[in-house]
PDB file of N, CA and C in Angstrom:
ATOM      1  N   MET A   1     110.150 -77.902 -90.334  1.00  0.00           N
ATOM      2  CA  MET A   1     110.124 -76.455 -90.375  1.00  0.00           C
ATOM      3  C   MET A   1     109.726 -75.962 -91.772  1.00  0.00           C
ATOM      4  N   LYS A   2     110.172 -76.691 -92.800  1.00  0.00           N
ATOM      5  CA  LYS A   2     109.835 -76.305 -94.167  1.00  0.00           C
ATOM      6  C   LYS A   2     108.334 -76.402 -94.410  1.00  0.00           C
ATOM      7  N   VAL A   3     107.697 -77.370 -93.797  1.00  0.00           N
ATOM      8  CA  VAL A   3     106.251 -77.526 -93.954  1.00  0.00           C
ATOM      9  C   VAL A   3     105.531 -76.317 -93.352  1.00  0.00           C
ATOM     10  N   LEU A   4     105.984 -75.868 -92.193  1.00  0.00           N
ATOM     11  CA  LEU A   4     105.377 -74.708 -91.552  1.00  0.00           C
ATOM     12  C   LEU A   4     105.575 -73.451 -92.389  1.00  0.00           C
ATOM     13  N   TYR A   5     106.760 -73.277 -92.948  1.00  0.00           N
ATOM     14  CA  TYR A   5     107.034 -72.131 -93.819  1.00  0.00           C
ATOM     15  C   TYR A   5     106.161 -72.182 -95.074  1.00  0.00           C
ATOM     16  N   SER A   6     106.057 -73.361 -95.675  1.00  0.00           N
ATOM     17  CA  SER A   6     105.231 -73.515 -96.879  1.00  0.00           C
ATOM     18  C   SER A   6     103.761 -73.230 -96.577  1.00  0.00           C
ATOM     19  N   PHE A   7     103.286 -73.685 -95.428  1.00  0.00           N
ATOM     20  CA  PHE A   7     101.903 -73.440 -95.024  1.00  0.00           C
ATOM     21  C   PHE A   7     101.663 -71.940 -94.865  1.00  0.00           C
ATOM     22  N   GLY A   8     102.562 -71.250 -94.185  1.00  0.00           N
ATOM     23  CA  GLY A   8     102.446 -69.809 -94.007  1.00  0.00           C
ATOM     24  C   GLY A   8     102.534 -69.060 -95.326  1.00  0.00           C
ATOM     25  N   ALA A   9     103.439 -69.481 -96.195  1.00  0.00           N
ATOM     26  CA  ALA A   9     103.602 -68.831 -97.496  1.00  0.00           C
ATOM     27  C   ALA A   9     102.352 -69.008 -98.357  1.00  0.00           C
ATOM     28  N   PHE A  10     101.739 -70.177 -98.298  1.00  0.00           N
ATOM     29  CA  PHE A  10     100.508 -70.400 -99.048  1.00  0.00           C
ATOM     30  C   PHE A  10      99.418 -69.440 -98.594  1.00  0.00           C
ATOM     31  N   TRP A  11      99.200 -69.348 -97.274  1.00  0.00           N
ATOM     32  CA  TRP A  11      98.137 -68.493 -96.768  1.00  0.00           C
ATOM     33  C   TRP A  11      98.429 -67.023 -97.022  1.00  0.00           C
ATOM     34  N   TRP A  12      99.692 -66.628 -96.929  1.00  0.00           N
ATOM     35  CA  TRP A  12     100.041 -65.235 -97.229  1.00  0.00           C
ATOM     36  C   TRP A  12      99.716 -64.926 -98.693  1.00  0.00           C
ATOM     37  N   ASP A  13     100.115 -65.806 -99.589  1.00  0.00           N
ATOM     38  CA  ASP A  13      99.851 -65.596-101.013  1.00  0.00           C
ATOM     39  C   ASP A  13      98.357 -65.653-101.316  1.00  0.00           C
ATOM     40  N   PHE A  14      97.643 -66.549-100.635  1.00  0.00           N
ATOM     41  CA  PHE A  14      96.210 -66.687-100.862  1.00  0.00           C
ATOM     42  C   PHE A  14      95.438 -65.470-100.365  1.00  0.00           C
ATOM     43  N   LEU A  15      95.756 -64.966 -99.177  1.00  0.00           N
ATOM     44  CA  LEU A  15      95.015 -63.858 -98.588  1.00  0.00           C
ATOM     45  C   LEU A  15      95.483 -62.499 -99.085  1.00  0.00           C
ATOM     46  N   VAL A  16      96.774 -62.320 -99.224  1.00  0.00           N
ATOM     47  CA  VAL A  16      97.305 -61.018 -99.606  1.00  0.00           C
ATOM     48  C   VAL A  16      97.528 -60.961-101.105  1.00  0.00           C
ATOM     49  N   GLY A  17      98.242 -61.915-101.630  1.00  0.00           N
ATOM     50  CA  GLY A  17      98.484 -61.978-103.074  1.00  0.00           C
ATOM     51  C   GLY A  17      99.177 -60.740-103.585  1.00  0.00           C
ATOM     52  N   ASP A  18      98.704 -60.222-104.703  1.00  0.00           N
ATOM     53  CA  ASP A  18      99.300 -59.040-105.312  1.00  0.00           C
ATOM     54  C   ASP A  18      98.717 -57.749-104.769  1.00  0.00           C
ATOM     55  N   ALA A  19      97.615 -57.826-104.073  1.00  0.00           N
ATOM     56  CA  ALA A  19      96.913 -56.616-103.636  1.00  0.00           C
ATOM     57  C   ALA A  19      96.974 -56.487-102.113  1.00  0.00           C
ATOM     58  N   TRP A  20      98.128 -56.129-101.600  1.00  0.00           N
ATOM     59  CA  TRP A  20      98.265 -55.991-100.150  1.00  0.00           C
ATOM     60  C   TRP A  20      97.418 -54.823 -99.627  1.00  0.00           C
ATOM     61  N   GLU A  21      97.124 -53.858-100.495  1.00  0.00           N
ATOM     62  CA  GLU A  21      96.305 -52.729-100.070  1.00  0.00           C
ATOM     63  C   GLU A  21      94.887 -53.180 -99.734  1.00  0.00           C
ATOM     64  N   VAL A  22      94.375 -54.107-100.510  1.00  0.00           N
ATOM     65  CA  VAL A  22      93.032 -54.622-100.260  1.00  0.00           C
ATOM     66  C   VAL A  22      93.018 -55.412 -98.950  1.00  0.00           C
ATOM     67  N   ALA A  23      94.040 -56.221 -98.717  1.00  0.00           N
ATOM     68  CA  ALA A  23      94.116 -56.978 -97.466  1.00  0.00           C
ATOM     69  C   ALA A  23      94.211 -56.033 -96.274  1.00  0.00           C
ATOM     70  N   ALA A  24      94.992 -54.969 -96.391  1.00  0.00           N
ATOM     71  CA  ALA A  24      95.098 -53.986 -95.312  1.00  0.00           C
ATOM     72  C   ALA A  24      93.767 -53.265 -95.113  1.00  0.00           C
ATOM     73  N   GLY A  25      93.060 -52.998 -96.190  1.00  0.00           N
ATOM     74  CA  GLY A  25      91.746 -52.370 -96.099  1.00  0.00           C
ATOM     75  C   GLY A  25      90.729 -53.249 -95.402  1.00  0.00           C
ATOM     76  N   VAL A  26      90.793 -54.539 -95.655  1.00  0.00           N
ATOM     77  CA  VAL A  26      89.884 -55.475 -94.990  1.00  0.00           C
ATOM     78  C   VAL A  26      90.164 -55.500 -93.493  1.00  0.00           C
ATOM     79  N   VAL A  27      91.436 -55.550 -93.126  1.00  0.00           N
ATOM     80  CA  VAL A  27      91.796 -55.544 -91.703  1.00  0.00           C
ATOM     81  C   VAL A  27      91.350 -54.233 -91.051  1.00  0.00           C
ATOM     82  N   ALA A  28      91.557 -53.114 -91.718  1.00  0.00           N
ATOM     83  CA  ALA A  28      91.134 -51.820 -91.176  1.00  0.00           C
ATOM     84  C   ALA A  28      89.614 -51.753 -91.037  1.00  0.00           C
ATOM     85  N   THR A  29      88.896 -52.304 -91.998  1.00  0.00           N
ATOM     86  CA  THR A  29      87.434 -52.320 -91.927  1.00  0.00           C
ATOM     87  C   THR A  29      86.949 -53.167 -90.757  1.00  0.00           C
ATOM     88  N   LEU A  30      87.541 -54.336 -90.589  1.00  0.00           N
ATOM     89  CA  LEU A  30      87.155 -55.187 -89.464  1.00  0.00           C
ATOM     90  C   LEU A  30      87.454 -54.516 -88.131  1.00  0.00           C
ATOM     91  N   ALA A  31      88.579 -53.814 -88.048  1.00  0.00           N
ATOM     92  CA  ALA A  31      88.914 -53.094 -86.817  1.00  0.00           C
ATOM     93  C   ALA A  31      87.917 -51.960 -86.564  1.00  0.00           C
ATOM     94  N   ALA A  32      87.521 -51.252 -87.618  1.00  0.00           N
ATOM     95  CA  ALA A  32      86.555 -50.168 -87.469  1.00  0.00           C
ATOM     96  C   ALA A  32      85.187 -50.695 -87.041  1.00  0.00           C
ATOM     97  N   VAL A  33      84.774 -51.820 -87.591  1.00  0.00           N
ATOM     98  CA  VAL A  33      83.500 -52.426 -87.211  1.00  0.00           C
ATOM     99  C   VAL A  33      83.549 -52.863 -85.744  1.00  0.00           C
ATOM    100  N   MET A  34      84.662 -53.480 -85.336  1.00  0.00           N
ATOM    101  CA  MET A  34      84.806 -53.908 -83.953  1.00  0.00           C
ATOM    102  C   MET A  34      84.759 -52.705 -83.009  1.00  0.00           C
ATOM    103  N   LEU A  35      85.438 -51.626 -83.381  1.00  0.00           N
ATOM    104  CA  LEU A  35      85.442 -50.418 -82.567  1.00  0.00           C
ATOM    105  C   LEU A  35      84.043 -49.805 -82.491  1.00  0.00           C
ATOM    106  N   LEU A  36      83.349 -49.757 -83.601  1.00  0.00           N
ATOM    107  CA  LEU A  36      82.003 -49.193 -83.631  1.00  0.00           C
ATOM    108  C   LEU A  36      81.048 -49.985 -82.746  1.00  0.00           C
ATOM    109  N   VAL A  37      81.112 -51.290 -82.818  1.00  0.00           N
ATOM    110  CA  VAL A  37      80.216 -52.132 -82.025  1.00  0.00           C
ATOM    111  C   VAL A  37      80.580 -52.055 -80.541  1.00  0.00           C
ATOM    112  N   THR A  38      81.875 -51.924 -80.243  1.00  0.00           N
ATOM    113  CA  THR A  38      82.303 -51.841 -78.847  1.00  0.00           C
ATOM    114  C   THR A  38      81.916 -50.500 -78.225  1.00  0.00           C
ATOM    115  N   VAL A  39      82.153 -49.422 -78.951  1.00  0.00           N
ATOM    116  CA  VAL A  39      81.906 -48.088 -78.408  1.00  0.00           C
ATOM    117  C   VAL A  39      80.412 -47.756 -78.392  1.00  0.00           C
ATOM    118  N   ALA A  40      79.725 -48.075 -79.465  1.00  0.00           N
ATOM    119  CA  ALA A  40      78.304 -47.727 -79.563  1.00  0.00           C
ATOM    120  C   ALA A  40      77.499 -48.945 -80.007  1.00  0.00           C
ATOM    121  N   PRO A  41      77.153 -49.820 -79.057  1.00  0.00           N
ATOM    122  CA  PRO A  41      76.394 -51.021 -79.440  1.00  0.00           C
ATOM    123  C   PRO A  41      75.049 -50.704 -80.066  1.00  0.00           C
ATOM    124  N   THR A  42      74.484 -49.547 -79.763  1.00  0.00           N
ATOM    125  CA  THR A  42      73.190 -49.200 -80.346  1.00  0.00           C
ATOM    126  C   THR A  42      73.311 -48.836 -81.824  1.00  0.00           C
ATOM    127  N   ALA A  43      74.538 -48.539 -82.273  1.00  0.00           N
ATOM    128  CA  ALA A  43      74.753 -48.182 -83.674  1.00  0.00           C
ATOM    129  C   ALA A  43      75.238 -49.387 -84.485  1.00  0.00           C
ATOM    130  N   ALA A  44      74.935 -50.574 -84.010  1.00  0.00           N
ATOM    131  CA  ALA A  44      75.410 -51.785 -84.682  1.00  0.00           C
ATOM    132  C   ALA A  44      74.849 -51.925 -86.094  1.00  0.00           C
ATOM    133  N   GLU A  45      73.679 -51.312 -86.341  1.00  0.00           N
ATOM    134  CA  GLU A  45      73.115 -51.419 -87.691  1.00  0.00           C
ATOM    135  C   GLU A  45      73.951 -50.656 -88.712  1.00  0.00           C
ATOM    136  N   LEU A  46      74.803 -49.763 -88.257  1.00  0.00           N
ATOM    137  CA  LEU A  46      75.680 -49.037 -89.176  1.00  0.00           C
ATOM    138  C   LEU A  46      76.837 -49.894 -89.686  1.00  0.00           C
ATOM    139  N   THR A  47      77.073 -51.018 -89.044  1.00  0.00           N
ATOM    140  CA  THR A  47      78.193 -51.865 -89.464  1.00  0.00           C
ATOM    141  C   THR A  47      77.982 -52.391 -90.877  1.00  0.00           C
ATOM    142  N   GLY A  48      76.753 -52.704 -91.224  1.00  0.00           N
ATOM    143  CA  GLY A  48      76.472 -53.169 -92.584  1.00  0.00           C
ATOM    144  C   GLY A  48      76.788 -52.108 -93.614  1.00  0.00           C
ATOM    145  N   LEU A  49      76.403 -50.890 -93.319  1.00  0.00           N
ATOM    146  CA  LEU A  49      76.705 -49.773 -94.209  1.00  0.00           C
ATOM    147  C   LEU A  49      78.212 -49.560 -94.323  1.00  0.00           C
ATOM    148  N   LEU A  50      78.916 -49.670 -93.201  1.00  0.00           N
ATOM    149  CA  LEU A  50      80.370 -49.507 -93.213  1.00  0.00           C
ATOM    150  C   LEU A  50      81.042 -50.579 -94.059  1.00  0.00           C
ATOM    151  N   VAL A  51      80.582 -51.800 -93.938  1.00  0.00           N
ATOM    152  CA  VAL A  51      81.170 -52.901 -94.711  1.00  0.00           C
ATOM    153  C   VAL A  51      80.892 -52.720 -96.199  1.00  0.00           C
ATOM    154  N   VAL A  52      79.675 -52.348 -96.557  1.00  0.00           N
ATOM    155  CA  VAL A  52      79.337 -52.125 -97.968  1.00  0.00           C
ATOM    156  C   VAL A  52      80.172 -50.985 -98.535  1.00  0.00           C
ATOM    157  N   LEU A  53      80.291 -49.903 -97.799  1.00  0.00           N
ATOM    158  CA  LEU A  53      81.100 -48.775 -98.236  1.00  0.00           C
ATOM    159  C   LEU A  53      82.564 -49.179 -98.411  1.00  0.00           C
ATOM    160  N   ALA A  54      83.079 -49.962 -97.490  1.00  0.00           N
ATOM    161  CA  ALA A  54      84.466 -50.419 -97.591  1.00  0.00           C
ATOM    162  C   ALA A  54      84.672 -51.302 -98.816  1.00  0.00           C
ATOM    163  N   VAL A  55      83.723 -52.182 -99.099  1.00  0.00           N
ATOM    164  CA  VAL A  55      83.833 -53.053-100.274  1.00  0.00           C
ATOM    165  C   VAL A  55      83.851 -52.216-101.547  1.00  0.00           C
ATOM    166  N   VAL A  56      82.974 -51.235-101.628  1.00  0.00           N
ATOM    167  CA  VAL A  56      82.922 -50.388-102.822  1.00  0.00           C
ATOM    168  C   VAL A  56      84.228 -49.616-102.993  1.00  0.00           C
ATOM    169  N   VAL A  57      84.722 -49.039-101.913  1.00  0.00           N
ATOM    170  CA  VAL A  57      85.965 -48.255-101.996  1.00  0.00           C
ATOM    171  C   VAL A  57      87.155 -49.145-102.326  1.00  0.00           C
ATOM    172  N   LEU A  58      87.261 -50.285-101.659  1.00  0.00           N
ATOM    173  CA  LEU A  58      88.406 -51.178-101.905  1.00  0.00           C
ATOM    174  C   LEU A  58      88.383 -51.755-103.320  1.00  0.00           C
ATOM    175  N   MET A  59      87.210 -52.141-103.788  1.00  0.00           N
ATOM    176  CA  MET A  59      87.121 -52.673-105.148  1.00  0.00           C
ATOM    177  C   MET A  59      87.420 -51.593-106.180  1.00  0.00           C
ATOM    178  N   GLY A  60      86.913 -50.389-105.939  1.00  0.00           N
ATOM    179  CA  GLY A  60      87.201 -49.285-106.850  1.00  0.00           C
ATOM    180  C   GLY A  60      88.683 -48.968-106.908  1.00  0.00           C
ATOM    181  N   ALA A  61      89.337 -48.955-105.749  1.00  0.00           N
ATOM    182  CA  ALA A  61      90.778 -48.689-105.705  1.00  0.00           C
ATOM    183  C   ALA A  61      91.552 -49.802-106.402  1.00  0.00           C
ATOM    184  N   SER A  62      91.143 -51.031-106.185  1.00  0.00           N
ATOM    185  CA  SER A  62      91.828 -52.162-106.816  1.00  0.00           C
ATOM    186  C   SER A  62      91.662 -52.129-108.328  1.00  0.00           C
ATOM    187  N   LEU A  63      90.441 -51.852-108.792  1.00  0.00           N
ATOM    188  CA  LEU A  63      90.207 -51.788-110.240  1.00  0.00           C
ATOM    189  C   LEU A  63      90.947 -50.622-110.879  1.00  0.00           C
ATOM    190  N   ALA A  64      90.993 -49.487-110.192  1.00  0.00           N
ATOM    191  CA  ALA A  64      91.716 -48.330-110.713  1.00  0.00           C
ATOM    192  C   ALA A  64      93.210 -48.631-110.817  1.00  0.00           C
ATOM    193  N   ARG A  65      93.745 -49.331-109.836  1.00  0.00           N
ATOM    194  CA  ARG A  65      95.159 -49.684-109.865  1.00  0.00           C
ATOM    195  C   ARG A  65      95.461 -50.637-111.018  1.00  0.00           C
ATOM    196  N   GLU A  66      94.608 -51.611-111.218  1.00  0.00           N
ATOM    197  CA  GLU A  66      94.815 -52.564-112.300  1.00  0.00           C
ATOM    198  C   GLU A  66      94.640 -51.884-113.667  1.00  0.00           C
ATOM    199  N   ALA A  67      93.685 -50.972-113.770  1.00  0.00           N
ATOM    200  CA  ALA A  67      93.476 -50.274-115.046  1.00  0.00           C
ATOM    201  C   ALA A  67      94.657 -49.402-115.385  1.00  0.00           C
ATOM    202  N   SER A  68      95.296 -48.825-114.399  1.00  0.00           N
ATOM    203  CA  SER A  68      96.445 -47.969-114.677  1.00  0.00           C
ATOM    204  C   SER A  68      97.674 -48.775-115.084  1.00  0.00           C
ATOM    205  N   ARG A  69      97.711 -50.049-114.727  1.00  0.00           N
ATOM    206  CA  ARG A  69      98.828 -50.919-115.129  1.00  0.00           C
ATOM    207  C   ARG A  69      98.777 -51.266-116.625  1.00  0.00           C
ATOM    208  N   HIS A  70      97.577 -51.303-117.159  1.00  0.00           N
ATOM    209  CA  HIS A  70      97.409 -51.762-118.553  1.00  0.00           C
ATOM    210  C   HIS A  70      97.128 -50.629-119.454  1.00  0.00           C
TER     211      HIS A  70
END
């Protein structure tokens, strides 16, 4: 059981780490892309724009948070 807990703890720390907001943003972005492709398959080319926009916003928020700490 300890091995399973350690495995889960490693992946949680690796994926989420100190920036749980970024991890939540990634999940929200993936959900939005899935919804967009499901609802409007003809608008699938917008998924790239959505992902790029999400990366810019999430990175900006993460950098702003780190800058305010120091």
